[in-house]
Amino acid sequence: MSVPLDCKEYVKYLGILIDSNLSWKTHIEYITLKISKTVGLIAKLRHFLPLHILLHIYQSLISPYITYGLSVWSQASKCHLDKILILQKRALRFMYSTKKNEHTIPLY
């Protein structure tokens, strides 16, 4: 008995979105959406919470999305990966209250 398989744009497997071209674009868009919500939260809370609490928020709500499955999807194109890097930098600038054009290397 043969059953036809549906062709899907992407499939979610163990929390990683694998698209049909293995470009990881869908997964990175999913990650950036989750991270950007937390970056917005950090932006609002930075005026009320000390730095060590903001760092805990970063480590618990942003870092897991970046690190989970990184060895698999880290081979994505630079234009996709740059979206995550930009959000990381934005979160660091909010936490340390620096200017938008200031270098983030010392903040890491």
PDB file of N, CA and C in Angstrom:
ATOM      1  N   MET A   1       0.843  -1.176   0.000  1.00  0.00           N
ATOM      2  CA  MET A   1       0.000   0.000   0.000  1.00  0.00           C
ATOM      3  C   MET A   1       0.888   1.240   0.000  1.00  0.00           C
ATOM      4  N   SER A   2       0.775   2.034  -0.999  1.00  0.00           N
ATOM      5  CA  SER A   2       1.590   3.248  -1.086  1.00  0.00           C
ATOM      6  C   SER A   2       0.732   4.464  -0.764  1.00  0.00           C
ATOM      7  N   VAL A   3       1.331   5.337  -0.006  1.00  0.00           N
ATOM      8  CA  VAL A   3       0.658   6.569   0.400  1.00  0.00           C
ATOM      9  C   VAL A   3       1.467   7.735  -0.149  1.00  0.00           C
ATOM     10  N   PRO A   4       0.844   8.623  -0.920  1.00  0.00           N
ATOM     11  CA  PRO A   4       1.601   9.773  -1.434  1.00  0.00           C
ATOM     12  C   PRO A   4       1.999  10.722  -0.310  1.00  0.00           C
ATOM     13  N   LEU A   5       3.191  11.257  -0.418  1.00  0.00           N
ATOM     14  CA  LEU A   5       3.700  12.206   0.570  1.00  0.00           C
ATOM     15  C   LEU A   5       3.440  13.626   0.107  1.00  0.00           C
ATOM     16  N   ASP A   6       3.054  14.456   1.028  1.00  0.00           N
ATOM     17  CA  ASP A   6       2.856  15.869   0.719  1.00  0.00           C
ATOM     18  C   ASP A   6       4.204  16.574   0.706  1.00  0.00           C
ATOM     19  N   CYS A   7       4.374  17.451  -0.238  1.00  0.00           N
ATOM     20  CA  CYS A   7       5.585  18.264  -0.291  1.00  0.00           C
ATOM     21  C   CYS A   7       5.349  19.512   0.558  1.00  0.00           C
ATOM     22  N   LYS A   8       6.182  19.699   1.538  1.00  0.00           N
ATOM     23  CA  LYS A   8       6.043  20.835   2.458  1.00  0.00           C
ATOM     24  C   LYS A   8       7.198  21.803   2.253  1.00  0.00           C
ATOM     25  N   GLU A   9       6.921  23.062   2.555  1.00  0.00           N
ATOM     26  CA  GLU A   9       7.963  24.085   2.465  1.00  0.00           C
ATOM     27  C   GLU A   9       9.028  23.878   3.537  1.00  0.00           C
ATOM     28  N   TYR A  10       8.593  23.512   4.732  1.00  0.00           N
ATOM     29  CA  TYR A  10       9.524  23.223   5.830  1.00  0.00           C
ATOM     30  C   TYR A  10       8.872  22.226   6.769  1.00  0.00           C
ATOM     31  N   VAL A  11       9.696  21.621   7.596  1.00  0.00           N
ATOM     32  CA  VAL A  11       9.211  20.688   8.606  1.00  0.00           C
ATOM     33  C   VAL A  11       9.933  21.004   9.906  1.00  0.00           C
ATOM     34  N   LYS A  12       9.212  20.896  11.011  1.00  0.00           N
ATOM     35  CA  LYS A  12       9.810  21.159  12.313  1.00  0.00           C
ATOM     36  C   LYS A  12      10.231  19.824  12.915  1.00  0.00           C
ATOM     37  N   TYR A  13      11.512  19.706  13.215  1.00  0.00           N
ATOM     38  CA  TYR A  13      12.053  18.475  13.772  1.00  0.00           C
ATOM     39  C   TYR A  13      12.916  18.823  14.972  1.00  0.00           C
ATOM     40  N   LEU A  14      12.504  18.379  16.142  1.00  0.00           N
ATOM     41  CA  LEU A  14      13.212  18.653  17.398  1.00  0.00           C
ATOM     42  C   LEU A  14      13.434  20.151  17.615  1.00  0.00           C
ATOM     43  N   GLY A  15      12.455  20.954  17.225  1.00  0.00           N
ATOM     44  CA  GLY A  15      12.529  22.388  17.451  1.00  0.00           C
ATOM     45  C   GLY A  15      13.305  23.166  16.402  1.00  0.00           C
ATOM     46  N   ILE A  16      13.777  22.477  15.380  1.00  0.00           N
ATOM     47  CA  ILE A  16      14.524  23.142  14.307  1.00  0.00           C
ATOM     48  C   ILE A  16      13.694  23.071  13.041  1.00  0.00           C
ATOM     49  N   LEU A  17      13.500  24.211  12.396  1.00  0.00           N
ATOM     50  CA  LEU A  17      12.734  24.260  11.163  1.00  0.00           C
ATOM     51  C   LEU A  17      13.665  23.995   9.981  1.00  0.00           C
ATOM     52  N   ILE A  18      13.437  22.883   9.318  1.00  0.00           N
ATOM     53  CA  ILE A  18      14.264  22.487   8.173  1.00  0.00           C
ATOM     54  C   ILE A  18      13.459  22.761   6.917  1.00  0.00           C
ATOM     55  N   ASP A  19      13.963  23.669   6.084  1.00  0.00           N
ATOM     56  CA  ASP A  19      13.223  23.990   4.866  1.00  0.00           C
ATOM     57  C   ASP A  19      13.661  23.087   3.715  1.00  0.00           C
ATOM     58  N   SER A  20      12.912  23.137   2.641  1.00  0.00           N
ATOM     59  CA  SER A  20      13.138  22.216   1.527  1.00  0.00           C
ATOM     60  C   SER A  20      14.463  22.455   0.817  1.00  0.00           C
ATOM     61  N   ASN A  21      15.031  23.641   0.918  1.00  0.00           N
ATOM     62  CA  ASN A  21      16.304  23.957   0.259  1.00  0.00           C
ATOM     63  C   ASN A  21      17.499  23.893   1.199  1.00  0.00           C
ATOM     64  N   LEU A  22      17.259  23.604   2.472  1.00  0.00           N
ATOM     65  CA  LEU A  22      18.293  23.628   3.503  1.00  0.00           C
ATOM     66  C   LEU A  22      19.018  24.971   3.565  1.00  0.00           C
ATOM     67  N   SER A  23      18.261  26.026   3.352  1.00  0.00           N
ATOM     68  CA  SER A  23      18.849  27.366   3.434  1.00  0.00           C
ATOM     69  C   SER A  23      18.771  27.917   4.856  1.00  0.00           C
ATOM     70  N   TRP A  24      17.969  27.320   5.712  1.00  0.00           N
ATOM     71  CA  TRP A  24      17.768  27.697   7.108  1.00  0.00           C
ATOM     72  C   TRP A  24      17.093  29.052   7.262  1.00  0.00           C
ATOM     73  N   LYS A  25      16.597  29.597   6.163  1.00  0.00           N
ATOM     74  CA  LYS A  25      15.947  30.901   6.213  1.00  0.00           C
ATOM     75  C   LYS A  25      14.720  30.873   7.125  1.00  0.00           C
ATOM     76  N   THR A  26      13.904  29.850   7.016  1.00  0.00           N
ATOM     77  CA  THR A  26      12.692  29.746   7.828  1.00  0.00           C
ATOM     78  C   THR A  26      13.033  29.644   9.312  1.00  0.00           C
ATOM     79  N   HIS A  27      14.039  28.860   9.640  1.00  0.00           N
ATOM     80  CA  HIS A  27      14.429  28.696  11.037  1.00  0.00           C
ATOM     81  C   HIS A  27      14.979  30.003  11.601  1.00  0.00           C
ATOM     82  N   ILE A  28      15.801  30.688  10.838  1.00  0.00           N
ATOM     83  CA  ILE A  28      16.386  31.937  11.318  1.00  0.00           C
ATOM     84  C   ILE A  28      15.324  33.019  11.452  1.00  0.00           C
ATOM     85  N   GLU A  29      14.347  33.040  10.558  1.00  0.00           N
ATOM     86  CA  GLU A  29      13.245  33.989  10.705  1.00  0.00           C
ATOM     87  C   GLU A  29      12.452  33.700  11.975  1.00  0.00           C
ATOM     88  N   TYR A  30      12.261  32.427  12.278  1.00  0.00           N
ATOM     89  CA  TYR A  30      11.573  32.031  13.507  1.00  0.00           C
ATOM     90  C   TYR A  30      12.362  32.482  14.736  1.00  0.00           C
ATOM     91  N   ILE A  31      13.664  32.266  14.706  1.00  0.00           N
ATOM     92  CA  ILE A  31      14.526  32.667  15.824  1.00  0.00           C
ATOM     93  C   ILE A  31      14.525  34.182  15.993  1.00  0.00           C
ATOM     94  N   THR A  32      14.662  34.914  14.901  1.00  0.00           N
ATOM     95  CA  THR A  32      14.704  36.377  15.002  1.00  0.00           C
ATOM     96  C   THR A  32      13.390  36.935  15.529  1.00  0.00           C
ATOM     97  N   LEU A  33      12.282  36.311  15.198  1.00  0.00           N
ATOM     98  CA  LEU A  33      11.004  36.762  15.731  1.00  0.00           C
ATOM     99  C   LEU A  33      10.968  36.583  17.244  1.00  0.00           C
ATOM    100  N   LYS A  34      11.408  35.428  17.726  1.00  0.00           N
ATOM    101  CA  LYS A  34      11.426  35.168  19.165  1.00  0.00           C
ATOM    102  C   LYS A  34      12.401  36.097  19.886  1.00  0.00           C
ATOM    103  N   ILE A  35      13.577  36.280  19.305  1.00  0.00           N
ATOM    104  CA  ILE A  35      14.596  37.124  19.933  1.00  0.00           C
ATOM    105  C   ILE A  35      14.161  38.586  19.948  1.00  0.00           C
ATOM    106  N   SER A  36      13.556  39.051  18.874  1.00  0.00           N
ATOM    107  CA  SER A  36      13.191  40.468  18.799  1.00  0.00           C
ATOM    108  C   SER A  36      12.143  40.822  19.859  1.00  0.00           C
ATOM    109  N   LYS A  37      11.267  39.886  20.192  1.00  0.00           N
ATOM    110  CA  LYS A  37      10.300  40.151  21.261  1.00  0.00           C
ATOM    111  C   LYS A  37      11.009  40.342  22.596  1.00  0.00           C
ATOM    112  N   THR A  38      12.011  39.525  22.854  1.00  0.00           N
ATOM    113  CA  THR A  38      12.750  39.639  24.105  1.00  0.00           C
ATOM    114  C   THR A  38      13.606  40.898  24.124  1.00  0.00           C
ATOM    115  N   VAL A  39      14.167  41.274  22.982  1.00  0.00           N
ATOM    116  CA  VAL A  39      14.944  42.515  22.907  1.00  0.00           C
ATOM    117  C   VAL A  39      14.037  43.703  23.228  1.00  0.00           C
ATOM    118  N   GLY A  40      12.815  43.684  22.734  1.00  0.00           N
ATOM    119  CA  GLY A  40      11.852  44.731  23.075  1.00  0.00           C
ATOM    120  C   GLY A  40      11.541  44.760  24.561  1.00  0.00           C
ATOM    121  N   LEU A  41      11.455  43.588  25.154  1.00  0.00           N
ATOM    122  CA  LEU A  41      11.232  43.498  26.595  1.00  0.00           C
ATOM    123  C   LEU A  41      12.405  44.092  27.368  1.00  0.00           C
ATOM    124  N   ILE A  42      13.611  43.768  26.937  1.00  0.00           N
ATOM    125  CA  ILE A  42      14.810  44.320  27.582  1.00  0.00           C
ATOM    126  C   ILE A  42      14.847  45.836  27.434  1.00  0.00           C
ATOM    127  N   ALA A  43      14.459  46.324  26.257  1.00  0.00           N
ATOM    128  CA  ALA A  43      14.455  47.773  26.029  1.00  0.00           C
ATOM    129  C   ALA A  43      13.519  48.479  26.999  1.00  0.00           C
ATOM    130  N   LYS A  44      12.395  47.858  27.310  1.00  0.00           N
ATOM    131  CA  LYS A  44      11.445  48.480  28.231  1.00  0.00           C
ATOM    132  C   LYS A  44      11.882  48.343  29.692  1.00  0.00           C
ATOM    133  N   LEU A  45      12.504  47.224  30.020  1.00  0.00           N
ATOM    134  CA  LEU A  45      12.869  46.962  31.412  1.00  0.00           C
ATOM    135  C   LEU A  45      14.206  47.550  31.829  1.00  0.00           C
ATOM    136  N   ARG A  46      15.012  47.999  30.895  1.00  0.00           N
ATOM    137  CA  ARG A  46      16.367  48.463  31.224  1.00  0.00           C
ATOM    138  C   ARG A  46      16.371  49.653  32.173  1.00  0.00           C
ATOM    139  N   HIS A  47      15.298  50.408  32.195  1.00  0.00           N
ATOM    140  CA  HIS A  47      15.226  51.577  33.067  1.00  0.00           C
ATOM    141  C   HIS A  47      14.850  51.204  34.502  1.00  0.00           C
ATOM    142  N   PHE A  48      14.349  49.993  34.688  1.00  0.00           N
ATOM    143  CA  PHE A  48      13.821  49.595  35.997  1.00  0.00           C
ATOM    144  C   PHE A  48      14.616  48.478  36.671  1.00  0.00           C
ATOM    145  N   LEU A  49      15.401  47.724  35.892  1.00  0.00           N
ATOM    146  CA  LEU A  49      16.099  46.564  36.446  1.00  0.00           C
ATOM    147  C   LEU A  49      17.613  46.756  36.389  1.00  0.00           C
ATOM    148  N   PRO A  50      18.328  46.198  37.357  1.00  0.00           N
ATOM    149  CA  PRO A  50      19.792  46.279  37.310  1.00  0.00           C
ATOM    150  C   PRO A  50      20.351  45.379  36.198  1.00  0.00           C
ATOM    151  N   LEU A  51      21.605  45.625  35.872  1.00  0.00           N
ATOM    152  CA  LEU A  51      22.248  44.930  34.763  1.00  0.00           C
ATOM    153  C   LEU A  51      22.267  43.420  34.952  1.00  0.00           C
ATOM    154  N   HIS A  52      22.537  42.944  36.152  1.00  0.00           N
ATOM    155  CA  HIS A  52      22.641  41.492  36.326  1.00  0.00           C
ATOM    156  C   HIS A  52      21.305  40.781  36.072  1.00  0.00           C
ATOM    157  N   ILE A  53      20.190  41.439  36.334  1.00  0.00           N
ATOM    158  CA  ILE A  53      18.883  40.856  36.031  1.00  0.00           C
ATOM    159  C   ILE A  53      18.655  40.858  34.519  1.00  0.00           C
ATOM    160  N   LEU A  54      19.053  41.935  33.852  1.00  0.00           N
ATOM    161  CA  LEU A  54      18.926  41.989  32.394  1.00  0.00           C
ATOM    162  C   LEU A  54      19.784  40.909  31.732  1.00  0.00           C
ATOM    163  N   LEU A  55      20.954  40.665  32.301  1.00  0.00           N
ATOM    164  CA  LEU A  55      21.808  39.598  31.772  1.00  0.00           C
ATOM    165  C   LEU A  55      21.155  38.229  31.969  1.00  0.00           C
ATOM    166  N   HIS A  56      20.493  38.033  33.085  1.00  0.00           N
ATOM    167  CA  HIS A  56      19.778  36.772  33.308  1.00  0.00           C
ATOM    168  C   HIS A  56      18.640  36.602  32.297  1.00  0.00           C
ATOM    169  N   ILE A  57      17.951  37.689  32.008  1.00  0.00           N
ATOM    170  CA  ILE A  57      16.885  37.638  31.001  1.00  0.00           C
ATOM    171  C   ILE A  57      17.471  37.274  29.651  1.00  0.00           C
ATOM    172  N   TYR A  58      18.597  37.889  29.303  1.00  0.00           N
ATOM    173  CA  TYR A  58      19.264  37.569  28.036  1.00  0.00           C
ATOM    174  C   TYR A  58      19.664  36.098  27.992  1.00  0.00           C
ATOM    175  N   GLN A  59      20.286  35.624  29.057  1.00  0.00           N
ATOM    176  CA  GLN A  59      20.777  34.247  29.081  1.00  0.00           C
ATOM    177  C   GLN A  59      19.655  33.218  29.099  1.00  0.00           C
ATOM    178  N   SER A  60      18.513  33.580  29.618  1.00  0.00           N
ATOM    179  CA  SER A  60      17.425  32.610  29.686  1.00  0.00           C
ATOM    180  C   SER A  60      16.444  32.700  28.527  1.00  0.00           C
ATOM    181  N   LEU A  61      16.288  33.869  27.911  1.00  0.00           N
ATOM    182  CA  LEU A  61      15.287  34.030  26.859  1.00  0.00           C
ATOM    183  C   LEU A  61      15.853  34.250  25.460  1.00  0.00           C
ATOM    184  N   ILE A  62      17.116  34.609  25.338  1.00  0.00           N
ATOM    185  CA  ILE A  62      17.707  34.828  24.015  1.00  0.00           C
ATOM    186  C   ILE A  62      18.756  33.764  23.709  1.00  0.00           C
ATOM    187  N   SER A  63      19.663  33.561  24.614  1.00  0.00           N
ATOM    188  CA  SER A  63      20.779  32.641  24.380  1.00  0.00           C
ATOM    189  C   SER A  63      20.345  31.226  23.984  1.00  0.00           C
ATOM    190  N   PRO A  64      19.310  30.637  24.591  1.00  0.00           N
ATOM    191  CA  PRO A  64      18.926  29.293  24.171  1.00  0.00           C
ATOM    192  C   PRO A  64      18.483  29.203  22.710  1.00  0.00           C
ATOM    193  N   TYR A  65      17.805  30.225  22.209  1.00  0.00           N
ATOM    194  CA  TYR A  65      17.391  30.217  20.805  1.00  0.00           C
ATOM    195  C   TYR A  65      18.602  30.261  19.876  1.00  0.00           C
ATOM    196  N   ILE A  66      19.625  30.976  20.289  1.00  0.00           N
ATOM    197  CA  ILE A  66      20.817  31.096  19.449  1.00  0.00           C
ATOM    198  C   ILE A  66      21.661  29.831  19.496  1.00  0.00           C
ATOM    199  N   THR A  67      21.792  29.243  20.642  1.00  0.00           N
ATOM    200  CA  THR A  67      22.719  28.121  20.791  1.00  0.00           C
ATOM    201  C   THR A  67      22.119  26.765  20.425  1.00  0.00           C
ATOM    202  N   TYR A  68      20.792  26.610  20.541  1.00  0.00           N
ATOM    203  CA  TYR A  68      20.203  25.306  20.264  1.00  0.00           C
ATOM    204  C   TYR A  68      20.290  24.977  18.771  1.00  0.00           C
ATOM    205  N   GLY A  69      20.942  23.906  18.469  1.00  0.00           N
ATOM    206  CA  GLY A  69      21.080  23.462  17.090  1.00  0.00           C
ATOM    207  C   GLY A  69      22.035  24.296  16.259  1.00  0.00           C
ATOM    208  N   LEU A  70      22.830  25.111  16.908  1.00  0.00           N
ATOM    209  CA  LEU A  70      23.738  26.006  16.195  1.00  0.00           C
ATOM    210  C   LEU A  70      24.696  25.249  15.290  1.00  0.00           C
ATOM    211  N   SER A  71      25.154  24.100  15.721  1.00  0.00           N
ATOM    212  CA  SER A  71      26.088  23.330  14.893  1.00  0.00           C
ATOM    213  C   SER A  71      25.442  22.879  13.590  1.00  0.00           C
ATOM    214  N   VAL A  72      24.121  22.811  13.554  1.00  0.00           N
ATOM    215  CA  VAL A  72      23.424  22.400  12.340  1.00  0.00           C
ATOM    216  C   VAL A  72      23.160  23.592  11.426  1.00  0.00           C
ATOM    217  N   TRP A  73      22.561  24.652  11.964  1.00  0.00           N
ATOM    218  CA  TRP A  73      22.127  25.752  11.106  1.00  0.00           C
ATOM    219  C   TRP A  73      23.136  26.890  10.997  1.00  0.00           C
ATOM    220  N   SER A  74      24.304  26.740  11.611  1.00  0.00           N
ATOM    221  CA  SER A  74      25.302  27.816  11.542  1.00  0.00           C
ATOM    222  C   SER A  74      25.919  27.962  10.157  1.00  0.00           C
ATOM    223  N   GLN A  75      25.658  27.016   9.276  1.00  0.00           N
ATOM    224  CA  GLN A  75      26.182  27.082   7.912  1.00  0.00           C
ATOM    225  C   GLN A  75      25.267  27.872   6.978  1.00  0.00           C
ATOM    226  N   ALA A  76      24.279  28.521   7.520  1.00  0.00           N
ATOM    227  CA  ALA A  76      23.373  29.344   6.717  1.00  0.00           C
ATOM    228  C   ALA A  76      24.142  30.517   6.122  1.00  0.00           C
ATOM    229  N   SER A  77      23.546  31.147   5.144  1.00  0.00           N
ATOM    230  CA  SER A  77      24.228  32.270   4.494  1.00  0.00           C
ATOM    231  C   SER A  77      24.386  33.435   5.472  1.00  0.00           C
ATOM    232  N   LYS A  78      25.397  34.227   5.205  1.00  0.00           N
ATOM    233  CA  LYS A  78      25.741  35.342   6.090  1.00  0.00           C
ATOM    234  C   LYS A  78      24.595  36.350   6.212  1.00  0.00           C
ATOM    235  N   CYS A  79      23.863  36.564   5.133  1.00  0.00           N
ATOM    236  CA  CYS A  79      22.766  37.546   5.194  1.00  0.00           C
ATOM    237  C   CYS A  79      21.686  37.099   6.171  1.00  0.00           C
ATOM    238  N   HIS A  80      21.470  35.803   6.318  1.00  0.00           N
ATOM    239  CA  HIS A  80      20.494  35.318   7.292  1.00  0.00           C
ATOM    240  C   HIS A  80      21.061  35.399   8.713  1.00  0.00           C
ATOM    241  N   LEU A  81      22.311  35.002   8.866  1.00  0.00           N
ATOM    242  CA  LEU A  81      22.929  35.001  10.196  1.00  0.00           C
ATOM    243  C   LEU A  81      23.127  36.413  10.737  1.00  0.00           C
ATOM    244  N   ASP A  82      23.316  37.374   9.844  1.00  0.00           N
ATOM    245  CA  ASP A  82      23.495  38.761  10.285  1.00  0.00           C
ATOM    246  C   ASP A  82      22.271  39.305  11.014  1.00  0.00           C
ATOM    247  N   LYS A  83      21.089  38.793  10.690  1.00  0.00           N
ATOM    248  CA  LYS A  83      19.870  39.237  11.376  1.00  0.00           C
ATOM    249  C   LYS A  83      19.947  38.913  12.864  1.00  0.00           C
ATOM    250  N   ILE A  84      20.474  37.732  13.179  1.00  0.00           N
ATOM    251  CA  ILE A  84      20.611  37.340  14.577  1.00  0.00           C
ATOM    252  C   ILE A  84      21.684  38.180  15.258  1.00  0.00           C
ATOM    253  N   LEU A  85      22.783  38.418  14.568  1.00  0.00           N
ATOM    254  CA  LEU A  85      23.866  39.219  15.132  1.00  0.00           C
ATOM    255  C   LEU A  85      23.398  40.640  15.438  1.00  0.00           C
ATOM    256  N   ILE A  86      22.622  41.222  14.552  1.00  0.00           N
ATOM    257  CA  ILE A  86      22.109  42.573  14.765  1.00  0.00           C
ATOM    258  C   ILE A  86      21.219  42.629  16.000  1.00  0.00           C
ATOM    259  N   LEU A  87      20.374  41.614  16.171  1.00  0.00           N
ATOM    260  CA  LEU A  87      19.522  41.585  17.367  1.00  0.00           C
ATOM    261  C   LEU A  87      20.336  41.390  18.636  1.00  0.00           C
ATOM    262  N   GLN A  88      21.384  40.578  18.548  1.00  0.00           N
ATOM    263  CA  GLN A  88      22.269  40.395  19.709  1.00  0.00           C
ATOM    264  C   GLN A  88      22.912  41.720  20.098  1.00  0.00           C
ATOM    265  N   LYS A  89      23.417  42.427  19.110  1.00  0.00           N
ATOM    266  CA  LYS A  89      24.058  43.718  19.381  1.00  0.00           C
ATOM    267  C   LYS A  89      23.060  44.718  19.964  1.00  0.00           C
ATOM    268  N   ARG A  90      21.841  44.703  19.431  1.00  0.00           N
ATOM    269  CA  ARG A  90      20.822  45.623  19.929  1.00  0.00           C
ATOM    270  C   ARG A  90      20.506  45.329  21.394  1.00  0.00           C
ATOM    271  N   ALA A  91      20.411  44.055  21.737  1.00  0.00           N
ATOM    272  CA  ALA A  91      20.145  43.681  23.132  1.00  0.00           C
ATOM    273  C   ALA A  91      21.278  44.144  24.035  1.00  0.00           C
ATOM    274  N   LEU A  92      22.521  43.951  23.597  1.00  0.00           N
ATOM    275  CA  LEU A  92      23.664  44.389  24.405  1.00  0.00           C
ATOM    276  C   LEU A  92      23.663  45.898  24.599  1.00  0.00           C
ATOM    277  N   ARG A  93      23.360  46.628  23.540  1.00  0.00           N
ATOM    278  CA  ARG A  93      23.335  48.093  23.655  1.00  0.00           C
ATOM    279  C   ARG A  93      22.246  48.553  24.610  1.00  0.00           C
ATOM    280  N   PHE A  94      21.101  47.879  24.590  1.00  0.00           N
ATOM    281  CA  PHE A  94      20.045  48.236  25.534  1.00  0.00           C
ATOM    282  C   PHE A  94      20.468  47.938  26.962  1.00  0.00           C
ATOM    283  N   MET A  95      21.061  46.771  27.184  1.00  0.00           N
ATOM    284  CA  MET A  95      21.431  46.381  28.550  1.00  0.00           C
ATOM    285  C   MET A  95      22.486  47.305  29.137  1.00  0.00           C
ATOM    286  N   TYR A  96      23.449  47.694  28.316  1.00  0.00           N
ATOM    287  CA  TYR A  96      24.549  48.531  28.813  1.00  0.00           C
ATOM    288  C   TYR A  96      24.319  50.015  28.563  1.00  0.00           C
ATOM    289  N   SER A  97      23.165  50.379  28.024  1.00  0.00           N
ATOM    290  CA  SER A  97      22.783  51.773  27.769  1.00  0.00           C
ATOM    291  C   SER A  97      23.837  52.519  26.965  1.00  0.00           C
ATOM    292  N   THR A  98      24.221  51.944  25.837  1.00  0.00           N
ATOM    293  CA  THR A  98      25.187  52.599  24.952  1.00  0.00           C
ATOM    294  C   THR A  98      24.470  53.176  23.741  1.00  0.00           C
ATOM    295  N   LYS A  99      25.200  53.944  22.959  1.00  0.00           N
ATOM    296  CA  LYS A  99      24.640  54.569  21.764  1.00  0.00           C
ATOM    297  C   LYS A  99      24.479  53.529  20.652  1.00  0.00           C
ATOM    298  N   LYS A 100      23.628  53.858  19.674  1.00  0.00           N
ATOM    299  CA  LYS A 100      23.349  52.931  18.573  1.00  0.00           C
ATOM    300  C   LYS A 100      24.564  52.645  17.705  1.00  0.00           C
ATOM    301  N   ASN A 101      25.471  53.598  17.585  1.00  0.00           N
ATOM    302  CA  ASN A 101      26.622  53.414  16.701  1.00  0.00           C
ATOM    303  C   ASN A 101      27.894  53.020  17.445  1.00  0.00           C
ATOM    304  N   GLU A 102      27.791  52.755  18.728  1.00  0.00           N
ATOM    305  CA  GLU A 102      28.950  52.372  19.521  1.00  0.00           C
ATOM    306  C   GLU A 102      29.292  50.889  19.288  1.00  0.00           C
ATOM    307  N   HIS A 103      30.584  50.584  19.297  1.00  0.00           N
ATOM    308  CA  HIS A 103      31.023  49.221  19.073  1.00  0.00           C
ATOM    309  C   HIS A 103      30.553  48.306  20.220  1.00  0.00           C
ATOM    310  N   THR A 104      30.201  47.083  19.860  1.00  0.00           N
ATOM    311  CA  THR A 104      29.693  46.142  20.870  1.00  0.00           C
ATOM    312  C   THR A 104      30.743  45.127  21.304  1.00  0.00           C
ATOM    313  N   ILE A 105      31.905  45.106  20.688  1.00  0.00           N
ATOM    314  CA  ILE A 105      32.926  44.124  21.046  1.00  0.00           C
ATOM    315  C   ILE A 105      33.283  44.215  22.533  1.00  0.00           C
ATOM    316  N   PRO A 106      33.479  45.395  23.109  1.00  0.00           N
ATOM    317  CA  PRO A 106      33.766  45.433  24.549  1.00  0.00           C
ATOM    318  C   PRO A 106      32.609  44.946  25.424  1.00  0.00           C
ATOM    319  N   LEU A 107      31.388  44.982  24.901  1.00  0.00           N
ATOM    320  CA  LEU A 107      30.221  44.575  25.685  1.00  0.00           C
ATOM    321  C   LEU A 107      30.097  43.065  25.795  1.00  0.00           C
ATOM    322  N   TYR A 108      30.635  42.359  24.811  1.00  0.00           N
ATOM    323  CA  TYR A 108      30.567  40.902  24.852  1.00  0.00           C
ATOM    324  C   TYR A 108      31.386  40.384  26.016  1.00  0.00           C
TER     325      TYR A 108
END
